[in-house]
Amino acid sequence: MAHTAEEKKKLLNRVRRIRGQVDSIERALDQEAECSDILHTISACRGAMDSLMAEVIEGHIRFHVLDPKVTPTDDQAQAADDLVYALRAYLK
């Protein structure tokens, strides 16, 4: 899926941070932490997952919906940018 080695590294680092957040939720629940602290950690994890989703969707649009071998028309490039912007706003 990752279209370059740098993108792969970036995505894997995001996943590892998310794994750390999920582990933190588990520890908080196990230690019977305050509900507000647990909710805050869940919210942070959810935001991280949404950001990961947006990143993967953007890569899909740029490398599979648009043909990377062909320079997109101005309208196609603008449509892709608009879609990415809308998705990021939705997943925020």
Protein backbone atom coordinates (compact mmCIF):
# COMPACT_ATOMS: atom_id res chain seq x y z
CA MET A 1 0.00 0.00 0.00
CA ALA A 2 2.69 2.49 0.91
CA HIS A 3 3.83 4.03 -2.33
CA THR A 4 7.31 4.93 -1.15
CA ALA A 5 9.62 3.65 1.56
CA GLU A 6 9.26 7.00 3.36
CA GLU A 7 5.45 6.76 3.35
CA LYS A 8 5.63 3.20 4.66
CA LYS A 9 7.89 4.28 7.51
CA LYS A 10 5.61 7.22 8.31
CA LEU A 11 2.47 5.04 8.36
CA LEU A 12 4.11 2.35 10.49
CA ASN A 13 5.24 4.98 13.00
CA ARG A 14 1.64 6.23 13.23
CA VAL A 15 0.40 2.69 13.86
CA ARG A 16 2.99 2.20 16.57
CA ARG A 17 1.90 5.41 18.31
CA ILE A 18 -1.71 4.26 18.10
CA ARG A 19 -0.72 0.89 19.58
CA GLY A 20 0.87 2.78 22.48
CA GLN A 21 -2.33 4.77 22.99
CA VAL A 22 -4.44 1.61 23.00
CA ASP A 23 -2.05 0.03 25.50
CA SER A 24 -2.46 3.15 27.64
CA ILE A 25 -6.25 2.73 27.56
CA GLU A 26 -5.89 -0.88 28.66
CA ARG A 27 -3.59 0.09 31.55
CA ALA A 28 -5.93 2.88 32.62
CA LEU A 29 -8.89 0.51 32.68
CA ASP A 30 -6.90 -2.13 34.53
CA GLN A 31 -5.81 0.41 37.14
CA GLU A 32 -9.35 1.80 37.44
CA ALA A 33 -8.30 5.29 36.40
CA GLU A 34 -10.74 8.18 36.40
CA CYS A 35 -13.37 8.03 33.67
CA SER A 36 -12.39 11.47 32.37
CA ASP A 37 -8.76 10.35 31.92
CA ILE A 38 -9.83 7.21 30.09
CA LEU A 39 -12.20 9.18 27.85
CA HIS A 40 -9.44 11.66 27.04
CA THR A 41 -7.09 8.84 26.03
CA ILE A 42 -9.81 7.16 23.93
CA SER A 43 -10.46 10.48 22.19
CA ALA A 44 -6.76 10.89 21.40
CA CYS A 45 -6.63 7.35 20.03
CA ARG A 46 -9.69 7.96 17.90
CA GLY A 47 -8.13 11.14 16.49
CA ALA A 48 -4.96 9.25 15.65
CA MET A 49 -6.97 6.53 13.88
CA ASP A 50 -8.91 9.15 11.92
CA SER A 51 -5.64 10.81 10.86
CA LEU A 52 -4.25 7.45 9.75
CA MET A 53 -7.44 6.78 7.80
CA ALA A 54 -7.20 10.18 6.09
CA GLU A 55 -3.57 9.54 5.15
CA VAL A 56 -4.34 6.13 3.62
CA ILE A 57 -7.37 7.45 1.74
CA GLU A 58 -5.36 10.36 0.36
CA GLY A 59 -2.68 7.95 -0.88
CA HIS A 60 -5.37 5.83 -2.50
CA ILE A 61 -6.84 8.85 -4.29
CA ARG A 62 -3.48 10.14 -5.48
CA PHE A 63 -2.07 6.78 -6.61
CA HIS A 64 -5.08 4.68 -7.60
CA VAL A 65 -7.99 6.97 -8.44
CA LEU A 66 -5.72 9.34 -10.34
CA ASP A 67 -3.27 7.60 -12.65
CA PRO A 68 0.24 8.44 -11.37
CA LYS A 69 1.65 7.77 -14.84
CA VAL A 70 -0.47 10.53 -16.38
CA THR A 71 -0.44 14.19 -15.40
CA PRO A 72 -3.99 14.97 -14.25
CA THR A 73 -5.92 17.79 -15.83
CA ASP A 74 -6.43 20.90 -13.71
CA ASP A 75 -10.02 19.80 -13.09
CA GLN A 76 -8.94 16.30 -12.00
CA ALA A 77 -6.26 17.66 -9.70
CA GLN A 78 -8.72 20.14 -8.18
CA ALA A 79 -11.35 17.42 -7.73
CA ALA A 80 -8.80 15.19 -5.96
CA ASP A 81 -7.73 18.08 -3.72
CA ASP A 82 -11.37 18.88 -2.92
CA LEU A 83 -12.09 15.26 -2.03
CA VAL A 84 -9.02 15.00 0.20
CA TYR A 85 -9.96 18.27 1.91
CA ALA A 86 -13.53 17.06 2.51
CA LEU A 87 -12.35 13.72 3.90
CA ARG A 88 -9.86 15.35 6.24
CA ALA A 89 -12.54 17.74 7.47
CA TYR A 90 -14.95 14.84 8.04
CA LEU A 91 -12.36 12.75 9.86
CA LYS A 92 -11.20 15.64 12.05
